[in-house]
Amino acid sequence: MSIPDLPPPNKRLGQNFLIDPNIVRKIVALAELGPSDHVLEIGPGRGILTEALCHAAGRVTAVEVDPRLHAYLKTRQAELPNADLVCADALAYSVESLPMSTVVVANLPYYISTPLLFRLLDQRGRFPRMVLMLQAEVADRLVAKPGGSDYGVLSVMAQYAAEITKSFRVSAQCFRPRPEVASAVLLLRTKECTRLSQQEEVAFRALVKAAFAHRRKTLVNSLRHEGHELHPVAETLQRLDIAPTRRAETLSVEDFLRLACALGWRGARVS
């Protein structure tokens, strides 16, 4: 039986294939998988991580958008006996169909990593933990603390939904072709209980986006420029002992939650 040719990387899809087995071992170890675990892998590529996940977990759902790579993985089905190989766009794939407590392990396509991450976090009740390889710059933003230039909407919304640890960096030499950016692997442990209802979270995200929309402006001015009435916001900030001259990047996730609650969102608890 002839060995099928490896599909070449598709530059449009930002494909850089992981080739380092040591990084694969570190990722699988970080995921803490057992035979009863179901794993969602996004972007399996040529399957180096998929094969290791199949050895460590009971079931793997591997979602690949590239039909060429999906067809190649199908030729390896005997090596991946407990993998469901799905040809689909991860942004449209029905993650709601996956079992509760599914573990996400993925080398996320960098060009859609942020919307994918938000989609996964919106389903965090289904995913207790996620091990994600991301562009190092995005990883830095996810773990950033208030006061720095990396801290922004992504930091606040992700840290609201999960406890995030940057575990290790990955050299460009671990991929073929070599990417032009550095990479890092993060562990996200999603929070079982968050303060806001689903409807309130939509409004919370809009508030955070408005606060960071004009980073050089004060918090109160940025919110005003995004359509919030000046006096209610200023009065609320004063009541919370948050100076209106502060910028959004100086507020913690807790500060944003306090502001959301004080602006009158029913059902949000301040502890």
C-alpha atoms as a PDB file:
ATOM      1  CA  MET A   1       0.000   0.000   0.000  1.00  0.00           C
ATOM      2  CA  SER A   2       1.493   3.361  -1.009  1.00  0.00           C
ATOM      3  CA  ILE A   3       1.875   6.142   1.545  1.00  0.00           C
ATOM      4  CA  PRO A   4      -0.260   9.164   0.553  1.00  0.00           C
ATOM      5  CA  ASP A   5       1.553  12.409  -0.177  1.00  0.00           C
ATOM      6  CA  LEU A   6       1.449  14.988   2.607  1.00  0.00           C
ATOM      7  CA  PRO A   7      -0.798  17.892   1.624  1.00  0.00           C
ATOM      8  CA  PRO A   8       1.258  21.092   1.222  1.00  0.00           C
ATOM      9  CA  PRO A   9       0.476  23.995   3.561  1.00  0.00           C
ATOM     10  CA  ASN A  10      -2.216  26.425   2.496  1.00  0.00           C
ATOM     11  CA  LYS A  11      -0.914  29.950   3.078  1.00  0.00           C
ATOM     12  CA  ARG A  12      -4.410  31.441   2.860  1.00  0.00           C
ATOM     13  CA  LEU A  13      -5.445  29.298   5.840  1.00  0.00           C
ATOM     14  CA  GLY A  14      -2.300  30.220   7.758  1.00  0.00           C
ATOM     15  CA  GLN A  15      -1.147  26.610   7.999  1.00  0.00           C
ATOM     16  CA  ASN A  16       2.063  25.975   9.921  1.00  0.00           C
ATOM     17  CA  PHE A  17       2.300  22.323  10.910  1.00  0.00           C
ATOM     18  CA  LEU A  18       3.682  21.304  14.297  1.00  0.00           C
ATOM     19  CA  ILE A  19       6.540  18.822  13.853  1.00  0.00           C
ATOM     20  CA  ASP A  20       8.175  18.633  17.305  1.00  0.00           C
ATOM     21  CA  PRO A  21       7.138  15.495  19.263  1.00  0.00           C
ATOM     22  CA  ASN A  22       8.440  17.007  22.508  1.00  0.00           C
ATOM     23  CA  ILE A  23       5.987  19.914  22.225  1.00  0.00           C
ATOM     24  CA  VAL A  24       3.226  17.403  21.490  1.00  0.00           C
ATOM     25  CA  ARG A  25       4.090  15.505  24.692  1.00  0.00           C
ATOM     26  CA  LYS A  26       4.058  18.718  26.728  1.00  0.00           C
ATOM     27  CA  ILE A  27       0.662  19.742  25.334  1.00  0.00           C
ATOM     28  CA  VAL A  28      -0.914  16.344  26.054  1.00  0.00           C
ATOM     29  CA  ALA A  29       0.562  16.271  29.566  1.00  0.00           C
ATOM     30  CA  LEU A  30      -0.817  19.749  30.267  1.00  0.00           C
ATOM     31  CA  ALA A  31      -4.300  18.607  29.221  1.00  0.00           C
ATOM     32  CA  GLU A  32      -4.298  15.893  31.957  1.00  0.00           C
ATOM     33  CA  LEU A  33      -6.303  13.481  29.827  1.00  0.00           C
ATOM     34  CA  GLY A  34      -7.663  10.091  30.819  1.00  0.00           C
ATOM     35  CA  PRO A  35      -9.499   7.240  29.047  1.00  0.00           C
ATOM     36  CA  SER A  36     -12.910   8.699  29.947  1.00  0.00           C
ATOM     37  CA  ASP A  37     -12.191  12.111  28.416  1.00  0.00           C
ATOM     38  CA  HIS A  38     -13.656  13.430  25.182  1.00  0.00           C
ATOM     39  CA  VAL A  39     -11.393  15.908  23.364  1.00  0.00           C
ATOM     40  CA  LEU A  40     -12.193  18.579  20.807  1.00  0.00           C
ATOM     41  CA  GLU A  41      -9.219  19.326  18.570  1.00  0.00           C
ATOM     42  CA  ILE A  42      -9.488  22.285  16.203  1.00  0.00           C
ATOM     43  CA  GLY A  43      -7.184  22.306  13.197  1.00  0.00           C
ATOM     44  CA  PRO A  44      -5.578  18.832  13.428  1.00  0.00           C
ATOM     45  CA  GLY A  45      -3.508  19.507  10.296  1.00  0.00           C
ATOM     46  CA  ARG A  46      -1.461  16.419   9.452  1.00  0.00           C
ATOM     47  CA  GLY A  47      -2.384  14.695  12.710  1.00  0.00           C
ATOM     48  CA  ILE A  48       0.768  14.694  14.855  1.00  0.00           C
ATOM     49  CA  LEU A  49      -1.158  15.971  17.887  1.00  0.00           C
ATOM     50  CA  THR A  50      -4.306  14.024  16.964  1.00  0.00           C
ATOM     51  CA  GLU A  51      -2.468  10.718  17.200  1.00  0.00           C
ATOM     52  CA  ALA A  52      -1.117  11.546  20.657  1.00  0.00           C
ATOM     53  CA  LEU A  53      -4.574  12.664  21.820  1.00  0.00           C
ATOM     54  CA  CYS A  54      -6.074   9.378  20.606  1.00  0.00           C
ATOM     55  CA  HIS A  55      -3.595   7.479  22.792  1.00  0.00           C
ATOM     56  CA  ALA A  56      -4.359   9.620  25.853  1.00  0.00           C
ATOM     57  CA  ALA A  57      -8.146  10.114  25.662  1.00  0.00           C
ATOM     58  CA  GLY A  58     -11.219   7.990  25.090  1.00  0.00           C
ATOM     59  CA  ARG A  59     -12.588   9.948  22.132  1.00  0.00           C
ATOM     60  CA  VAL A  60     -11.314  12.760  19.927  1.00  0.00           C
ATOM     61  CA  THR A  61     -13.390  14.995  17.682  1.00  0.00           C
ATOM     62  CA  ALA A  62     -10.970  16.593  15.219  1.00  0.00           C
ATOM     63  CA  VAL A  63     -12.423  19.485  13.194  1.00  0.00           C
ATOM     64  CA  GLU A  64     -10.461  20.393  10.050  1.00  0.00           C
ATOM     65  CA  VAL A  65     -11.596  23.047   7.568  1.00  0.00           C
ATOM     66  CA  ASP A  66      -9.225  22.028   4.746  1.00  0.00           C
ATOM     67  CA  PRO A  67     -10.758  19.192   2.658  1.00  0.00           C
ATOM     68  CA  ARG A  68      -7.280  18.056   1.535  1.00  0.00           C
ATOM     69  CA  LEU A  69      -6.080  17.590   5.085  1.00  0.00           C
ATOM     70  CA  HIS A  70      -9.351  15.954   6.099  1.00  0.00           C
ATOM     71  CA  ALA A  71      -8.973  13.467   3.230  1.00  0.00           C
ATOM     72  CA  TYR A  72      -5.368  12.780   4.264  1.00  0.00           C
ATOM     73  CA  LEU A  73      -6.388  12.158   7.880  1.00  0.00           C
ATOM     74  CA  LYS A  74      -9.051   9.744   6.652  1.00  0.00           C
ATOM     75  CA  THR A  75      -6.277   7.647   5.098  1.00  0.00           C
ATOM     76  CA  ARG A  76      -4.797   7.412   8.604  1.00  0.00           C
ATOM     77  CA  GLN A  77      -8.056   6.369  10.284  1.00  0.00           C
ATOM     78  CA  ALA A  78      -6.553   3.007  11.310  1.00  0.00           C
ATOM     79  CA  GLU A  79      -3.959   4.920  13.370  1.00  0.00           C
ATOM     80  CA  LEU A  80      -6.727   7.117  14.799  1.00  0.00           C
ATOM     81  CA  PRO A  81      -9.377   4.516  15.699  1.00  0.00           C
ATOM     82  CA  ASN A  82     -11.103   6.629  18.350  1.00  0.00           C
ATOM     83  CA  ALA A  83     -11.123   9.870  16.344  1.00  0.00           C
ATOM     84  CA  ASP A  84     -14.164  11.413  14.673  1.00  0.00           C
ATOM     85  CA  LEU A  85     -12.670  13.296  11.720  1.00  0.00           C
ATOM     86  CA  VAL A  86     -14.938  16.195  10.802  1.00  0.00           C
ATOM     87  CA  CYS A  87     -14.508  18.439   7.760  1.00  0.00           C
ATOM     88  CA  ALA A  88     -15.992  21.747   8.892  1.00  0.00           C
ATOM     89  CA  ASP A  89     -15.295  25.364   9.756  1.00  0.00           C
ATOM     90  CA  ALA A  90     -14.741  25.499  13.521  1.00  0.00           C
ATOM     91  CA  LEU A  91     -16.522  28.863  13.658  1.00  0.00           C
ATOM     92  CA  ALA A  92     -19.684  27.195  12.330  1.00  0.00           C
ATOM     93  CA  TYR A  93     -19.305  23.682  13.778  1.00  0.00           C
ATOM     94  CA  SER A  94     -21.996  22.764  16.306  1.00  0.00           C
ATOM     95  CA  VAL A  95     -19.919  22.558  19.488  1.00  0.00           C
ATOM     96  CA  GLU A  96     -23.222  22.269  21.364  1.00  0.00           C
ATOM     97  CA  SER A  97     -23.408  18.673  20.096  1.00  0.00           C
ATOM     98  CA  LEU A  98     -20.278  17.686  22.031  1.00  0.00           C
ATOM     99  CA  PRO A  99     -20.578  15.986  25.445  1.00  0.00           C
ATOM    100  CA  MET A 100     -20.423  18.070  28.593  1.00  0.00           C
ATOM    101  CA  SER A 101     -16.917  18.214  30.135  1.00  0.00           C
ATOM    102  CA  THR A 102     -15.226  17.975  26.731  1.00  0.00           C
ATOM    103  CA  VAL A 103     -11.581  19.093  26.901  1.00  0.00           C
ATOM    104  CA  VAL A 104     -10.371  21.417  24.142  1.00  0.00           C
ATOM    105  CA  VAL A 105      -6.810  20.845  22.899  1.00  0.00           C
ATOM    106  CA  ALA A 106      -5.897  22.822  19.821  1.00  0.00           C
ATOM    107  CA  ASN A 107      -3.296  24.636  17.799  1.00  0.00           C
ATOM    108  CA  LEU A 108      -5.755  27.391  16.885  1.00  0.00           C
ATOM    109  CA  PRO A 109      -5.478  28.894  13.401  1.00  0.00           C
ATOM    110  CA  TYR A 110      -3.959  32.252  14.258  1.00  0.00           C
ATOM    111  CA  TYR A 111      -5.978  34.266  11.741  1.00  0.00           C
ATOM    112  CA  ILE A 112      -9.273  33.367  13.477  1.00  0.00           C
ATOM    113  CA  SER A 113      -7.996  32.673  16.991  1.00  0.00           C
ATOM    114  CA  THR A 114      -9.851  35.530  18.721  1.00  0.00           C
ATOM    115  CA  PRO A 115     -13.384  34.797  17.419  1.00  0.00           C
ATOM    116  CA  LEU A 116     -12.767  31.068  17.995  1.00  0.00           C
ATOM    117  CA  LEU A 117     -11.665  31.726  21.555  1.00  0.00           C
ATOM    118  CA  PHE A 118     -14.757  33.821  22.283  1.00  0.00           C
ATOM    119  CA  ARG A 119     -16.952  31.089  20.801  1.00  0.00           C
ATOM    120  CA  LEU A 120     -15.354  28.477  23.047  1.00  0.00           C
ATOM    121  CA  LEU A 121     -15.628  30.710  26.119  1.00  0.00           C
ATOM    122  CA  ASP A 122     -19.299  31.340  25.368  1.00  0.00           C
ATOM    123  CA  GLN A 123     -19.697  27.548  25.714  1.00  0.00           C
ATOM    124  CA  ARG A 124     -17.494  27.322  28.802  1.00  0.00           C
ATOM    125  CA  GLY A 125     -20.066  25.263  30.700  1.00  0.00           C
ATOM    126  CA  ARG A 126     -19.249  22.458  28.247  1.00  0.00           C
ATOM    127  CA  PHE A 127     -15.447  22.886  28.330  1.00  0.00           C
ATOM    128  CA  PRO A 128     -13.901  22.714  31.829  1.00  0.00           C
ATOM    129  CA  ARG A 129     -10.386  23.259  30.501  1.00  0.00           C
ATOM    130  CA  MET A 130      -8.670  24.205  27.297  1.00  0.00           C
ATOM    131  CA  VAL A 131      -5.061  23.829  26.206  1.00  0.00           C
ATOM    132  CA  LEU A 132      -4.520  26.238  23.338  1.00  0.00           C
ATOM    133  CA  MET A 133      -1.526  27.144  21.214  1.00  0.00           C
ATOM    134  CA  LEU A 134      -1.764  30.757  20.118  1.00  0.00           C
ATOM    135  CA  GLN A 135       0.335  33.527  18.682  1.00  0.00           C
ATOM    136  CA  ALA A 136       2.540  34.739  21.556  1.00  0.00           C
ATOM    137  CA  GLU A 137       1.230  38.275  21.175  1.00  0.00           C
ATOM    138  CA  VAL A 138      -2.349  37.073  21.693  1.00  0.00           C
ATOM    139  CA  ALA A 139      -1.249  34.919  24.632  1.00  0.00           C
ATOM    140  CA  ASP A 140       0.340  37.974  26.265  1.00  0.00           C
ATOM    141  CA  ARG A 141      -2.908  39.900  25.874  1.00  0.00           C
ATOM    142  CA  LEU A 142      -4.922  37.074  27.418  1.00  0.00           C
ATOM    143  CA  VAL A 143      -2.863  37.015  30.622  1.00  0.00           C
ATOM    144  CA  ALA A 144      -2.121  40.764  30.794  1.00  0.00           C
ATOM    145  CA  LYS A 145      -2.738  42.641  34.027  1.00  0.00           C
ATOM    146  CA  PRO A 146      -4.197  46.146  34.329  1.00  0.00           C
ATOM    147  CA  GLY A 147      -1.872  49.035  33.591  1.00  0.00           C
ATOM    148  CA  GLY A 148      -0.035  47.759  30.524  1.00  0.00           C
ATOM    149  CA  SER A 149      -0.486  48.193  26.807  1.00  0.00           C
ATOM    150  CA  ASP A 150      -1.312  44.468  26.351  1.00  0.00           C
ATOM    151  CA  TYR A 151      -4.337  44.772  28.643  1.00  0.00           C
ATOM    152  CA  GLY A 152      -7.601  45.279  26.764  1.00  0.00           C
ATOM    153  CA  VAL A 153     -10.993  43.865  25.803  1.00  0.00           C
ATOM    154  CA  LEU A 154      -9.606  40.377  25.189  1.00  0.00           C
ATOM    155  CA  SER A 155      -7.889  40.359  28.600  1.00  0.00           C
ATOM    156  CA  VAL A 156     -11.000  41.431  30.501  1.00  0.00           C
ATOM    157  CA  MET A 157     -13.477  39.139  28.766  1.00  0.00           C
ATOM    158  CA  ALA A 158     -11.227  36.071  28.839  1.00  0.00           C
ATOM    159  CA  GLN A 159     -10.225  36.549  32.487  1.00  0.00           C
ATOM    160  CA  TYR A 160     -13.869  37.052  33.411  1.00  0.00           C
ATOM    161  CA  ALA A 161     -14.631  33.597  31.982  1.00  0.00           C
ATOM    162  CA  ALA A 162     -11.520  31.575  32.883  1.00  0.00           C
ATOM    163  CA  GLU A 163      -8.400  31.269  34.990  1.00  0.00           C
ATOM    164  CA  ILE A 164      -5.573  31.546  32.467  1.00  0.00           C
ATOM    165  CA  THR A 165      -1.949  30.428  32.732  1.00  0.00           C
ATOM    166  CA  LYS A 166       0.721  30.887  30.086  1.00  0.00           C
ATOM    167  CA  SER A 167       2.519  27.548  30.281  1.00  0.00           C
ATOM    168  CA  PHE A 168       5.383  27.660  27.760  1.00  0.00           C
ATOM    169  CA  ARG A 169       6.597  29.283  24.570  1.00  0.00           C
ATOM    170  CA  VAL A 170       7.062  27.363  21.325  1.00  0.00           C
ATOM    171  CA  SER A 171       9.907  28.146  18.959  1.00  0.00           C
ATOM    172  CA  ALA A 172       9.215  28.800  15.284  1.00  0.00           C
ATOM    173  CA  GLN A 173      11.612  25.903  14.585  1.00  0.00           C
ATOM    174  CA  CYS A 174       8.925  23.511  15.871  1.00  0.00           C
ATOM    175  CA  PHE A 175       6.790  24.164  12.775  1.00  0.00           C
ATOM    176  CA  ARG A 176       6.993  23.616   9.041  1.00  0.00           C
ATOM    177  CA  PRO A 177       6.860  25.997   7.370  1.00  0.00           C
ATOM    178  CA  ARG A 178       8.322  28.211  10.068  1.00  0.00           C
ATOM    179  CA  PRO A 179       5.871  30.959  11.086  1.00  0.00           C
ATOM    180  CA  GLU A 180       6.976  34.573  11.224  1.00  0.00           C
ATOM    181  CA  VAL A 181       5.536  34.963  14.723  1.00  0.00           C
ATOM    182  CA  ALA A 182       6.303  33.364  18.071  1.00  0.00           C
ATOM    183  CA  SER A 183       3.829  30.973  19.700  1.00  0.00           C
ATOM    184  CA  ALA A 184       2.804  30.057  23.237  1.00  0.00           C
ATOM    185  CA  VAL A 185       0.650  27.409  24.911  1.00  0.00           C
ATOM    186  CA  LEU A 186      -1.971  28.457  27.453  1.00  0.00           C
ATOM    187  CA  LEU A 187      -4.037  26.508  29.969  1.00  0.00           C
ATOM    188  CA  LEU A 188      -7.527  27.894  30.545  1.00  0.00           C
ATOM    189  CA  ARG A 189      -9.653  26.543  33.374  1.00  0.00           C
ATOM    190  CA  THR A 190     -13.136  27.903  32.779  1.00  0.00           C
ATOM    191  CA  LYS A 191     -15.169  29.276  35.679  1.00  0.00           C
ATOM    192  CA  GLU A 192     -18.221  27.235  36.594  1.00  0.00           C
ATOM    193  CA  CYS A 193     -20.057  30.228  38.008  1.00  0.00           C
ATOM    194  CA  THR A 194     -19.843  33.700  36.550  1.00  0.00           C
ATOM    195  CA  ARG A 195     -21.756  36.660  37.799  1.00  0.00           C
ATOM    196  CA  LEU A 196     -23.767  37.736  34.815  1.00  0.00           C
ATOM    197  CA  SER A 197     -26.539  36.098  32.871  1.00  0.00           C
ATOM    198  CA  GLN A 198     -26.039  35.461  29.164  1.00  0.00           C
ATOM    199  CA  GLN A 199     -27.972  38.626  28.305  1.00  0.00           C
ATOM    200  CA  GLU A 200     -25.983  40.682  30.798  1.00  0.00           C
ATOM    201  CA  GLU A 201     -22.721  39.346  29.374  1.00  0.00           C
ATOM    202  CA  VAL A 202     -23.627  40.789  25.983  1.00  0.00           C
ATOM    203  CA  ALA A 203     -24.079  44.196  27.586  1.00  0.00           C
ATOM    204  CA  PHE A 204     -20.936  43.716  29.694  1.00  0.00           C
ATOM    205  CA  ARG A 205     -18.863  43.017  26.581  1.00  0.00           C
ATOM    206  CA  ALA A 206     -20.316  46.123  24.902  1.00  0.00           C
ATOM    207  CA  LEU A 207     -19.392  48.228  27.955  1.00  0.00           C
ATOM    208  CA  VAL A 208     -15.815  46.898  28.009  1.00  0.00           C
ATOM    209  CA  LYS A 209     -15.438  47.501  24.257  1.00  0.00           C
ATOM    210  CA  ALA A 210     -16.722  51.060  24.680  1.00  0.00           C
ATOM    211  CA  ALA A 211     -14.326  51.696  27.554  1.00  0.00           C
ATOM    212  CA  PHE A 212     -11.324  50.630  25.443  1.00  0.00           C
ATOM    213  CA  ALA A 213     -12.550  52.191  22.181  1.00  0.00           C
ATOM    214  CA  HIS A 214     -10.474  55.331  22.785  1.00  0.00           C
ATOM    215  CA  ARG A 215      -7.496  54.149  24.829  1.00  0.00           C
ATOM    216  CA  ARG A 216      -5.882  57.586  25.080  1.00  0.00           C
ATOM    217  CA  LYS A 217      -9.032  59.153  26.507  1.00  0.00           C
ATOM    218  CA  THR A 218     -10.208  58.973  30.085  1.00  0.00           C
ATOM    219  CA  LEU A 219     -12.717  56.266  30.917  1.00  0.00           C
ATOM    220  CA  VAL A 220     -15.628  58.680  31.201  1.00  0.00           C
ATOM    221  CA  ASN A 221     -14.800  60.364  27.878  1.00  0.00           C
ATOM    222  CA  SER A 222     -14.336  57.080  26.045  1.00  0.00           C
ATOM    223  CA  LEU A 223     -17.730  55.892  27.265  1.00  0.00           C
ATOM    224  CA  ARG A 224     -19.295  59.240  26.319  1.00  0.00           C
ATOM    225  CA  HIS A 225     -17.865  59.029  22.801  1.00  0.00           C
ATOM    226  CA  GLU A 226     -19.440  55.567  22.487  1.00  0.00           C
ATOM    227  CA  GLY A 227     -22.919  56.837  23.325  1.00  0.00           C
ATOM    228  CA  HIS A 228     -23.125  56.546  27.124  1.00  0.00           C
ATOM    229  CA  GLU A 229     -24.696  59.508  28.919  1.00  0.00           C
ATOM    230  CA  LEU A 230     -22.064  61.509  30.757  1.00  0.00           C
ATOM    231  CA  HIS A 231     -23.782  62.300  34.064  1.00  0.00           C
ATOM    232  CA  PRO A 232     -25.016  58.801  35.036  1.00  0.00           C
ATOM    233  CA  VAL A 233     -21.590  57.341  34.251  1.00  0.00           C
ATOM    234  CA  ALA A 234     -19.712  60.073  36.136  1.00  0.00           C
ATOM    235  CA  GLU A 235     -21.986  59.730  39.160  1.00  0.00           C
ATOM    236  CA  THR A 236     -21.627  55.936  39.138  1.00  0.00           C
ATOM    237  CA  LEU A 237     -17.823  56.151  38.966  1.00  0.00           C
ATOM    238  CA  GLN A 238     -17.805  58.581  41.874  1.00  0.00           C
ATOM    239  CA  ARG A 239     -20.037  56.280  43.926  1.00  0.00           C
ATOM    240  CA  LEU A 240     -17.646  53.373  43.246  1.00  0.00           C
ATOM    241  CA  ASP A 241     -14.639  55.528  44.165  1.00  0.00           C
ATOM    242  CA  ILE A 242     -13.241  55.149  40.630  1.00  0.00           C
ATOM    243  CA  ALA A 243     -11.751  58.431  39.450  1.00  0.00           C
ATOM    244  CA  PRO A 244     -13.337  59.534  36.137  1.00  0.00           C
ATOM    245  CA  THR A 245      -9.880  60.593  34.950  1.00  0.00           C
ATOM    246  CA  ARG A 246      -8.654  56.994  34.941  1.00  0.00           C
ATOM    247  CA  ARG A 247      -8.243  55.151  31.652  1.00  0.00           C
ATOM    248  CA  ALA A 248      -9.864  51.810  30.892  1.00  0.00           C
ATOM    249  CA  GLU A 249      -6.528  49.962  30.966  1.00  0.00           C
ATOM    250  CA  THR A 250      -6.164  50.731  34.700  1.00  0.00           C
ATOM    251  CA  LEU A 251      -9.430  49.003  35.707  1.00  0.00           C
ATOM    252  CA  SER A 252      -9.372  45.385  36.834  1.00  0.00           C
ATOM    253  CA  VAL A 253     -11.925  42.798  35.745  1.00  0.00           C
ATOM    254  CA  GLU A 254     -13.520  43.257  39.171  1.00  0.00           C
ATOM    255  CA  ASP A 255     -13.746  47.034  38.604  1.00  0.00           C
ATOM    256  CA  PHE A 256     -15.548  46.479  35.302  1.00  0.00           C
ATOM    257  CA  LEU A 257     -17.962  44.068  36.976  1.00  0.00           C
ATOM    258  CA  ARG A 258     -18.647  46.562  39.771  1.00  0.00           C
ATOM    259  CA  LEU A 259     -19.298  49.248  37.168  1.00  0.00           C
ATOM    260  CA  ALA A 260     -21.646  46.947  35.240  1.00  0.00           C
ATOM    261  CA  CYS A 261     -23.586  46.086  38.386  1.00  0.00           C
ATOM    262  CA  ALA A 262     -23.782  49.695  39.565  1.00  0.00           C
ATOM    263  CA  LEU A 263     -25.164  50.801  36.215  1.00  0.00           C
ATOM    264  CA  GLY A 264     -28.229  48.769  37.088  1.00  0.00           C
ATOM    265  CA  TRP A 265     -27.916  45.339  35.430  1.00  0.00           C
ATOM    266  CA  ARG A 266     -30.342  43.103  37.287  1.00  0.00           C
ATOM    267  CA  GLY A 267     -29.102  39.740  38.521  1.00  0.00           C
ATOM    268  CA  ALA A 268     -25.408  40.640  38.677  1.00  0.00           C
ATOM    269  CA  ARG A 269     -23.950  39.992  42.102  1.00  0.00           C
ATOM    270  CA  VAL A 270     -21.088  41.889  43.690  1.00  0.00           C
ATOM    271  CA  SER A 271     -19.261  39.747  46.252  1.00  0.00           C
END
